[in-house]
Protein backbone atom coordinates (compact mmCIF):
# COMPACT_ATOMS: atom_id res chain seq x y z
CA GLN A 1 32.36 86.24 93.66
CA VAL A 2 33.12 84.37 90.32
CA GLN A 3 34.03 80.45 91.55
CA LEU A 4 34.90 77.56 89.54
CA VAL A 5 34.78 74.18 90.27
CA GLU A 6 36.52 71.59 87.94
CA SER A 7 35.88 67.79 87.03
CA GLY A 8 36.77 64.93 85.18
CA GLY A 9 39.87 64.77 86.30
CA GLY A 10 41.22 60.81 86.65
CA SER A 11 43.60 58.24 85.45
CA VAL A 12 44.27 56.55 81.90
CA GLN A 13 46.75 54.93 80.14
CA PRO A 14 48.85 57.00 77.38
CA GLY A 15 46.98 57.24 74.01
CA ASP A 16 43.28 57.63 75.90
CA PRO A 17 41.36 60.84 75.26
CA LEU A 18 39.98 62.73 78.45
CA ARG A 19 37.43 65.40 79.06
CA LEU A 20 37.99 67.91 81.93
CA SER A 21 34.64 70.14 83.00
CA CYS A 22 34.68 73.66 84.57
CA THR A 23 31.94 75.19 85.92
CA SER A 24 31.03 78.52 86.66
CA SER A 25 29.10 80.51 89.32
CA GLY A 26 29.21 84.34 90.60
CA ARG A 27 29.63 86.06 87.38
CA THR A 28 27.20 89.36 87.57
CA GLY A 29 27.16 93.16 85.65
CA ALA A 30 27.83 93.13 81.32
CA ASP A 31 28.49 90.18 79.22
CA PHE A 32 31.87 90.97 78.00
CA ASP A 33 34.04 88.79 76.14
CA TYR A 34 36.40 87.82 79.55
CA ALA A 35 38.51 84.95 78.66
CA MET A 36 38.24 81.06 80.33
CA GLY A 37 42.04 79.56 80.54
CA TRP A 38 43.58 76.13 81.50
CA PHE A 39 46.75 75.57 82.93
CA ARG A 40 48.56 72.41 84.50
CA GLN A 41 51.23 72.41 87.42
CA ALA A 42 53.27 68.75 86.95
CA PRO A 43 55.35 67.62 90.16
CA GLU A 44 57.92 69.94 90.69
CA LYS A 45 57.99 72.17 87.97
CA GLU A 46 55.99 75.78 87.61
CA ARG A 47 52.36 76.28 86.93
CA GLU A 48 51.52 76.45 82.51
CA PHE A 49 49.61 77.75 79.90
CA VAL A 50 47.38 75.03 78.16
CA ALA A 51 44.41 76.37 76.39
CA ALA A 52 41.99 79.41 76.73
CA ILE A 53 39.34 80.46 74.98
CA ARG A 54 36.79 84.14 75.16
CA TRP A 55 34.13 83.68 76.12
CA ASN A 56 31.93 85.76 73.29
CA THR A 57 33.49 85.27 70.25
CA VAL A 58 35.00 82.41 71.00
CA SER A 59 38.82 82.53 69.64
CA THR A 60 40.89 79.92 71.19
CA TYR A 61 45.07 79.61 72.35
CA TYR A 62 46.62 76.91 72.57
CA SER A 63 50.45 76.04 74.26
CA ASP A 64 52.20 73.73 71.60
CA SER A 65 52.54 71.80 73.54
CA VAL A 66 48.60 70.20 73.61
CA LYS A 67 47.82 72.47 69.72
CA GLY A 68 46.79 69.27 68.04
CA ARG A 69 45.53 67.64 70.83
CA PHE A 70 43.82 69.37 73.00
CA ALA A 71 40.01 71.26 72.42
CA ILE A 72 38.95 74.11 74.43
CA SER A 73 35.33 75.11 74.15
CA ARG A 74 33.22 76.65 76.26
CA ASP A 75 29.05 75.66 76.94
CA LYS A 76 27.41 79.55 77.14
CA ALA A 77 24.15 78.04 78.29
CA LYS A 78 25.64 75.74 81.38
CA ASN A 79 28.47 78.99 82.21
CA ILE A 80 31.23 75.08 81.58
CA VAL A 81 33.97 75.18 79.32
CA TYR A 82 35.52 71.78 78.28
CA LEU A 83 39.10 70.73 77.74
CA GLN A 84 38.32 67.35 75.38
CA MET A 85 42.80 66.03 75.53
CA ASN A 86 42.86 63.44 73.49
CA SER A 87 46.48 61.58 72.70
CA LEU A 88 47.35 62.18 76.17
CA LYS A 89 51.27 61.51 76.86
CA PRO A 90 52.67 60.07 80.46
CA GLU A 91 54.18 64.04 79.61
CA ASP A 92 50.40 65.31 80.55
CA THR A 93 51.00 64.41 84.12
CA ALA A 94 49.47 67.03 86.20
CA VAL A 95 47.15 68.52 88.43
CA TYR A 96 44.97 70.59 85.73
CA PHE A 97 43.53 74.63 86.83
CA CYS A 98 40.72 76.19 85.63
CA ALA A 99 41.16 79.73 85.40
CA ALA A 100 38.82 82.75 84.44
CA THR A 101 39.58 86.58 84.10
CA ALA A 102 37.61 89.50 85.37
CA ARG A 103 37.61 91.10 81.75
CA ARG A 104 38.21 90.98 78.57
CA ILE A 105 42.19 90.51 78.12
CA ILE A 106 44.62 90.93 75.17
CA SER A 107 45.50 88.86 73.23
CA SER A 108 49.26 88.11 74.60
CA ARG A 109 47.98 87.52 78.00
CA HIS A 110 46.14 84.98 77.53
CA TYR A 111 48.44 82.72 77.49
CA ASP A 112 49.59 84.62 81.51
CA ALA A 113 48.47 83.01 84.19
CA ASP A 114 48.89 87.13 86.05
CA ALA A 115 46.81 87.81 83.94
CA TYR A 116 43.30 84.91 85.69
CA THR A 117 42.32 86.54 88.20
CA TYR A 118 39.54 83.28 89.22
CA TRP A 119 40.99 80.00 89.94
CA GLY A 120 39.76 76.57 91.02
CA GLN A 121 41.13 74.23 93.28
CA GLY A 122 42.43 72.33 90.63
CA THR A 123 41.66 68.08 89.41
CA LEU A 124 44.65 65.99 88.77
CA VAL A 125 45.11 63.97 85.35
CA THR A 126 47.62 61.19 85.29
CA VAL A 127 48.99 59.63 82.55
CA SER A 128 50.76 55.54 82.99
CA SER A 129 50.87 52.99 81.66
């Protein structure tokens, strides 16, 4: 069973950077090009896609709201996915969830939470002055 553990959340001021980490364990079998993603859920809002990365090809996907400010990357040796968040805004305040697909998915599905099988517990990011 794949387990995902997020870390790095906290309270920051507008304009500050913050880096989230997601450590993955328990994945066995073939080294196929599954996806790792970040989603977020703000209070009283639905969960929304933030960014995703294909594990082997390192193709990346971003929502329009974070493109140019956030960067997703992965350390293959450590099984960690990072979300570097720059120029944070109050509207970025949310619980951020790490997610992983069971296998490779087509490009259009990287934005779809239903495509992800495994989820972490989430880490809270608060952006406030």
